[in-house]
Amino acid sequence: MRSANLLNFFAFKYVFGEDCKEANDALKSLLTVFLERKVANVHVTNVGVDPILEAFVEFDDNTKMKLAILIDQNIIKLHRLSEYYLMRLFGSQEEYDLNPCQVIAFYDGKE
């Protein structure tokens, strides 16, 4: 059995950001827990080596959200990146189709 530190952005993106059913189901379960809402569908919008995982989330009540997930060991850097990605997510939307945006930041607490 292989193991990985999921607080490493490469490992996190490898596990939850792949374009396959297993990764999608795992990400839906993770988001259901952290957002405390039932996630019906999630689509990762930036597959690849970018350390930020961006996704479009649809909930079971048909509401939608744009989401970015950040992972880092530097709490100050995470705070600044969270603000940047929140603005980036909101700004990337079309004016006629605005959705709430949220950033989830994971920090390992070692600093």
N, C-alpha and C. Protein backbone atom coordinates (compact mmCIF):
# COMPACT_ATOMS: atom_id res chain seq x y z
N MET A 1 0.84 -1.17 0.00
CA MET A 1 0.00 0.00 0.00
C MET A 1 0.89 1.23 0.00
N ARG A 2 0.59 2.19 -0.88
CA ARG A 2 1.33 3.44 -0.93
C ARG A 2 0.67 4.46 -0.04
N SER A 3 1.49 5.37 0.49
CA SER A 3 0.93 6.45 1.30
C SER A 3 1.53 7.76 0.82
N ALA A 4 0.81 8.84 1.07
CA ALA A 4 1.27 10.17 0.67
C ALA A 4 0.79 11.18 1.68
N ASN A 5 1.57 12.21 1.88
CA ASN A 5 1.17 13.32 2.73
C ASN A 5 0.24 14.20 1.91
N LEU A 6 -1.04 14.18 2.22
CA LEU A 6 -2.01 14.94 1.44
C LEU A 6 -1.93 16.44 1.71
N LEU A 7 -1.08 16.84 2.66
CA LEU A 7 -0.84 18.27 2.86
C LEU A 7 0.31 18.76 1.99
N ASN A 8 0.70 17.94 1.05
CA ASN A 8 1.63 18.33 -0.01
C ASN A 8 0.76 18.57 -1.24
N PHE A 9 0.86 19.76 -1.86
CA PHE A 9 -0.08 20.08 -2.94
C PHE A 9 0.02 19.14 -4.12
N PHE A 10 1.20 18.59 -4.40
CA PHE A 10 1.31 17.64 -5.51
C PHE A 10 0.54 16.35 -5.20
N ALA A 11 0.68 15.85 -3.98
CA ALA A 11 -0.04 14.63 -3.59
C ALA A 11 -1.54 14.89 -3.55
N PHE A 12 -1.95 16.02 -3.00
CA PHE A 12 -3.37 16.35 -2.92
C PHE A 12 -3.98 16.43 -4.31
N LYS A 13 -3.29 17.15 -5.21
CA LYS A 13 -3.81 17.31 -6.57
C LYS A 13 -3.81 15.97 -7.30
N TYR A 14 -2.83 15.12 -7.03
CA TYR A 14 -2.79 13.80 -7.67
C TYR A 14 -3.98 12.94 -7.22
N VAL A 15 -4.31 12.99 -5.94
CA VAL A 15 -5.39 12.17 -5.40
C VAL A 15 -6.76 12.73 -5.78
N PHE A 16 -6.97 14.04 -5.61
CA PHE A 16 -8.30 14.62 -5.78
C PHE A 16 -8.51 15.33 -7.12
N GLY A 17 -7.46 15.61 -7.85
CA GLY A 17 -7.60 16.41 -9.06
C GLY A 17 -7.51 15.66 -10.37
N GLU A 18 -7.37 14.35 -10.31
CA GLU A 18 -7.31 13.55 -11.54
C GLU A 18 -8.68 13.51 -12.22
N ASP A 19 -8.67 13.33 -13.51
CA ASP A 19 -9.90 13.27 -14.28
C ASP A 19 -10.38 11.82 -14.36
N CYS A 20 -10.87 11.31 -13.22
CA CYS A 20 -11.40 9.95 -13.18
C CYS A 20 -12.49 9.88 -12.12
N LYS A 21 -13.32 8.85 -12.19
CA LYS A 21 -14.46 8.72 -11.29
C LYS A 21 -14.03 8.62 -9.82
N GLU A 22 -12.98 7.86 -9.54
CA GLU A 22 -12.55 7.67 -8.16
C GLU A 22 -12.11 8.99 -7.53
N ALA A 23 -11.32 9.77 -8.24
CA ALA A 23 -10.87 11.06 -7.72
C ALA A 23 -12.04 12.01 -7.55
N ASN A 24 -12.97 11.99 -8.51
CA ASN A 24 -14.14 12.85 -8.43
C ASN A 24 -15.01 12.49 -7.23
N ASP A 25 -15.22 11.20 -7.00
CA ASP A 25 -16.02 10.75 -5.85
C ASP A 25 -15.34 11.12 -4.53
N ALA A 26 -14.01 10.98 -4.48
CA ALA A 26 -13.28 11.34 -3.27
C ALA A 26 -13.37 12.83 -3.00
N LEU A 27 -13.25 13.65 -4.04
CA LEU A 27 -13.35 15.09 -3.88
C LEU A 27 -14.76 15.51 -3.45
N LYS A 28 -15.79 14.88 -4.02
CA LYS A 28 -17.17 15.17 -3.61
C LYS A 28 -17.36 14.86 -2.13
N SER A 29 -16.83 13.73 -1.67
CA SER A 29 -16.96 13.37 -0.26
C SER A 29 -16.22 14.34 0.64
N LEU A 30 -15.01 14.72 0.25
CA LEU A 30 -14.23 15.68 1.03
C LEU A 30 -14.95 17.02 1.14
N LEU A 31 -15.46 17.51 0.02
CA LEU A 31 -16.14 18.80 0.01
C LEU A 31 -17.46 18.76 0.78
N THR A 32 -18.16 17.64 0.71
CA THR A 32 -19.39 17.50 1.49
C THR A 32 -19.10 17.67 2.98
N VAL A 33 -17.99 17.12 3.44
CA VAL A 33 -17.61 17.23 4.85
C VAL A 33 -17.21 18.67 5.19
N PHE A 34 -16.32 19.26 4.40
CA PHE A 34 -15.80 20.58 4.75
C PHE A 34 -16.79 21.71 4.50
N LEU A 35 -17.64 21.59 3.50
CA LEU A 35 -18.61 22.65 3.21
C LEU A 35 -19.92 22.43 3.94
N GLU A 36 -20.08 21.27 4.55
CA GLU A 36 -21.28 20.90 5.31
C GLU A 36 -22.54 21.03 4.46
N ARG A 37 -22.41 20.65 3.20
CA ARG A 37 -23.53 20.62 2.25
C ARG A 37 -23.31 19.44 1.33
N LYS A 38 -24.36 18.81 0.90
CA LYS A 38 -24.26 17.66 0.00
C LYS A 38 -23.86 18.12 -1.39
N VAL A 39 -22.71 17.65 -1.85
CA VAL A 39 -22.20 17.97 -3.17
C VAL A 39 -22.74 16.94 -4.16
N ALA A 40 -23.45 17.43 -5.18
CA ALA A 40 -24.01 16.54 -6.19
C ALA A 40 -23.03 16.30 -7.33
N ASN A 41 -22.27 17.32 -7.71
CA ASN A 41 -21.35 17.20 -8.83
C ASN A 41 -20.19 18.16 -8.62
N VAL A 42 -19.01 17.74 -9.01
CA VAL A 42 -17.83 18.61 -8.94
C VAL A 42 -17.02 18.38 -10.21
N HIS A 43 -16.52 19.49 -10.76
CA HIS A 43 -15.71 19.41 -11.97
C HIS A 43 -14.44 20.21 -11.74
N VAL A 44 -13.29 19.54 -11.74
CA VAL A 44 -12.00 20.23 -11.60
C VAL A 44 -11.73 20.96 -12.90
N THR A 45 -11.49 22.26 -12.80
CA THR A 45 -11.34 23.08 -14.00
C THR A 45 -9.90 23.34 -14.38
N ASN A 46 -8.95 22.92 -13.56
CA ASN A 46 -7.54 23.13 -13.90
C ASN A 46 -6.71 21.88 -13.66
N VAL A 47 -6.96 20.85 -14.43
CA VAL A 47 -6.19 19.62 -14.35
C VAL A 47 -4.77 19.92 -14.82
N GLY A 48 -3.79 19.43 -14.11
CA GLY A 48 -2.40 19.65 -14.49
C GLY A 48 -1.53 19.92 -13.28
N VAL A 49 -0.40 20.57 -13.50
CA VAL A 49 0.59 20.74 -12.43
C VAL A 49 0.38 21.98 -11.57
N ASP A 50 -0.59 22.82 -11.89
CA ASP A 50 -0.86 24.00 -11.07
C ASP A 50 -1.15 23.53 -9.63
N PRO A 51 -0.47 24.09 -8.62
CA PRO A 51 -0.64 23.61 -7.25
C PRO A 51 -2.00 23.95 -6.64
N ILE A 52 -2.75 24.82 -7.25
CA ILE A 52 -4.08 25.17 -6.75
C ILE A 52 -5.10 24.30 -7.47
N LEU A 53 -6.00 23.72 -6.72
CA LEU A 53 -7.06 22.93 -7.33
C LEU A 53 -8.29 23.83 -7.44
N GLU A 54 -8.72 24.11 -8.65
CA GLU A 54 -9.92 24.90 -8.87
C GLU A 54 -11.04 23.98 -9.36
N ALA A 55 -12.24 24.23 -8.86
CA ALA A 55 -13.36 23.35 -9.22
C ALA A 55 -14.65 24.15 -9.29
N PHE A 56 -15.57 23.60 -10.06
CA PHE A 56 -16.93 24.12 -10.12
C PHE A 56 -17.79 23.09 -9.40
N VAL A 57 -18.48 23.53 -8.35
CA VAL A 57 -19.23 22.62 -7.49
C VAL A 57 -20.72 22.89 -7.63
N GLU A 58 -21.49 21.81 -7.77
CA GLU A 58 -22.94 21.90 -7.77
C GLU A 58 -23.46 21.11 -6.58
N PHE A 59 -24.37 21.73 -5.83
CA PHE A 59 -24.94 21.09 -4.65
C PHE A 59 -26.26 20.42 -4.98
N ASP A 60 -26.75 19.60 -4.06
CA ASP A 60 -27.99 18.87 -4.32
C ASP A 60 -29.22 19.78 -4.39
N ASP A 61 -29.11 21.03 -3.94
CA ASP A 61 -30.23 21.98 -4.06
C ASP A 61 -30.12 22.84 -5.32
N ASN A 62 -29.27 22.43 -6.26
CA ASN A 62 -29.04 23.08 -7.56
C ASN A 62 -28.31 24.42 -7.47
N THR A 63 -27.77 24.78 -6.30
CA THR A 63 -26.92 25.96 -6.23
C THR A 63 -25.52 25.58 -6.68
N LYS A 64 -24.75 26.59 -7.11
CA LYS A 64 -23.41 26.35 -7.64
C LYS A 64 -22.40 27.24 -6.96
N MET A 65 -21.13 26.83 -7.04
CA MET A 65 -20.05 27.59 -6.42
C MET A 65 -18.76 27.33 -7.18
N LYS A 66 -17.94 28.37 -7.28
CA LYS A 66 -16.58 28.20 -7.77
C LYS A 66 -15.69 28.09 -6.54
N LEU A 67 -14.73 27.18 -6.59
CA LEU A 67 -13.95 26.85 -5.41
C LEU A 67 -12.48 26.69 -5.77
N ALA A 68 -11.62 27.18 -4.89
CA ALA A 68 -10.18 26.93 -5.01
C ALA A 68 -9.72 26.28 -3.72
N ILE A 69 -8.86 25.28 -3.82
CA ILE A 69 -8.30 24.61 -2.65
C ILE A 69 -6.79 24.82 -2.68
N LEU A 70 -6.27 25.38 -1.59
CA LEU A 70 -4.85 25.68 -1.46
C LEU A 70 -4.25 24.84 -0.35
N ILE A 71 -3.00 24.46 -0.52
CA ILE A 71 -2.27 23.72 0.51
C ILE A 71 -0.88 24.31 0.60
N ASP A 72 -0.44 24.61 1.82
CA ASP A 72 0.92 25.13 1.98
C ASP A 72 1.33 24.97 3.44
N GLN A 73 2.63 25.08 3.68
CA GLN A 73 3.14 25.02 5.04
C GLN A 73 3.37 26.41 5.62
N ASN A 74 3.13 27.45 4.87
CA ASN A 74 3.37 28.81 5.32
C ASN A 74 2.02 29.50 5.51
N ILE A 75 1.61 29.72 6.76
CA ILE A 75 0.30 30.28 7.06
C ILE A 75 0.14 31.69 6.51
N ILE A 76 1.20 32.50 6.53
CA ILE A 76 1.12 33.87 6.01
C ILE A 76 0.92 33.83 4.50
N LYS A 77 1.65 32.98 3.82
CA LYS A 77 1.51 32.83 2.38
C LYS A 77 0.10 32.35 2.02
N LEU A 78 -0.44 31.41 2.80
CA LEU A 78 -1.78 30.90 2.54
C LEU A 78 -2.81 32.01 2.64
N HIS A 79 -2.67 32.88 3.63
CA HIS A 79 -3.62 33.98 3.81
C HIS A 79 -3.63 34.88 2.58
N ARG A 80 -2.46 35.24 2.11
CA ARG A 80 -2.37 36.11 0.92
C ARG A 80 -2.86 35.41 -0.33
N LEU A 81 -2.49 34.15 -0.50
CA LEU A 81 -2.95 33.40 -1.67
C LEU A 81 -4.46 33.21 -1.66
N SER A 82 -5.04 33.01 -0.48
CA SER A 82 -6.49 32.85 -0.38
C SER A 82 -7.21 34.07 -0.91
N GLU A 83 -6.76 35.24 -0.51
CA GLU A 83 -7.38 36.48 -1.00
C GLU A 83 -7.23 36.60 -2.51
N TYR A 84 -6.03 36.32 -3.01
CA TYR A 84 -5.77 36.41 -4.45
C TYR A 84 -6.68 35.48 -5.24
N TYR A 85 -6.76 34.21 -4.82
CA TYR A 85 -7.56 33.24 -5.57
C TYR A 85 -9.05 33.50 -5.44
N LEU A 86 -9.50 34.06 -4.33
CA LEU A 86 -10.90 34.42 -4.21
C LEU A 86 -11.26 35.49 -5.23
N MET A 87 -10.41 36.50 -5.36
CA MET A 87 -10.64 37.55 -6.36
C MET A 87 -10.53 36.98 -7.77
N ARG A 88 -9.57 36.08 -8.00
CA ARG A 88 -9.39 35.49 -9.32
C ARG A 88 -10.61 34.66 -9.72
N LEU A 89 -11.14 33.87 -8.80
CA LEU A 89 -12.31 33.05 -9.10
C LEU A 89 -13.50 33.92 -9.46
N PHE A 90 -13.74 34.94 -8.65
CA PHE A 90 -14.89 35.80 -8.90
C PHE A 90 -14.72 36.56 -10.21
N GLY A 91 -13.54 37.06 -10.47
CA GLY A 91 -13.27 37.83 -11.67
C GLY A 91 -13.29 37.02 -12.95
N SER A 92 -13.15 35.71 -12.85
CA SER A 92 -13.13 34.86 -14.04
C SER A 92 -14.53 34.51 -14.54
N GLN A 93 -15.56 34.94 -13.83
CA GLN A 93 -16.92 34.58 -14.20
C GLN A 93 -17.52 35.59 -15.17
N GLU A 94 -18.52 35.13 -15.90
CA GLU A 94 -19.27 36.02 -16.77
C GLU A 94 -20.28 36.79 -15.93
N GLU A 95 -20.51 38.02 -16.27
CA GLU A 95 -21.41 38.89 -15.50
C GLU A 95 -22.82 38.32 -15.42
N TYR A 96 -23.27 37.64 -16.46
CA TYR A 96 -24.63 37.11 -16.49
C TYR A 96 -24.77 35.79 -15.72
N ASP A 97 -23.66 35.22 -15.28
CA ASP A 97 -23.70 33.92 -14.61
C ASP A 97 -22.77 33.92 -13.39
N LEU A 98 -23.03 34.80 -12.44
CA LEU A 98 -22.18 34.89 -11.25
C LEU A 98 -22.58 33.85 -10.22
N ASN A 99 -21.59 33.19 -9.66
CA ASN A 99 -21.79 32.20 -8.61
C ASN A 99 -20.96 32.59 -7.40
N PRO A 100 -21.38 32.17 -6.21
CA PRO A 100 -20.54 32.41 -5.04
C PRO A 100 -19.17 31.75 -5.23
N CYS A 101 -18.17 32.32 -4.62
CA CYS A 101 -16.81 31.78 -4.71
C CYS A 101 -16.28 31.55 -3.29
N GLN A 102 -15.48 30.52 -3.13
CA GLN A 102 -14.92 30.21 -1.83
C GLN A 102 -13.54 29.62 -2.01
N VAL A 103 -12.68 29.85 -1.03
CA VAL A 103 -11.35 29.26 -1.01
C VAL A 103 -11.22 28.44 0.26
N ILE A 104 -10.75 27.22 0.13
CA ILE A 104 -10.43 26.37 1.29
C ILE A 104 -8.93 26.26 1.34
N ALA A 105 -8.35 26.55 2.48
CA ALA A 105 -6.89 26.48 2.65
C ALA A 105 -6.55 25.45 3.71
N PHE A 106 -5.70 24.51 3.37
CA PHE A 106 -5.22 23.50 4.30
C PHE A 106 -3.80 23.87 4.73
N TYR A 107 -3.56 23.81 6.02
CA TYR A 107 -2.29 24.18 6.61
C TYR A 107 -1.88 23.08 7.58
N ASP A 108 -0.63 22.64 7.51
CA ASP A 108 -0.21 21.52 8.35
C ASP A 108 0.15 21.91 9.79
N GLY A 109 0.21 23.17 10.10
CA GLY A 109 0.43 23.63 11.47
C GLY A 109 1.83 23.48 11.99
N LYS A 110 2.79 23.19 11.13
CA LYS A 110 4.16 22.98 11.59
C LYS A 110 4.94 24.27 11.79
N GLU A 111 4.49 25.38 11.22
CA GLU A 111 5.24 26.64 11.32
C GLU A 111 5.13 27.24 12.69
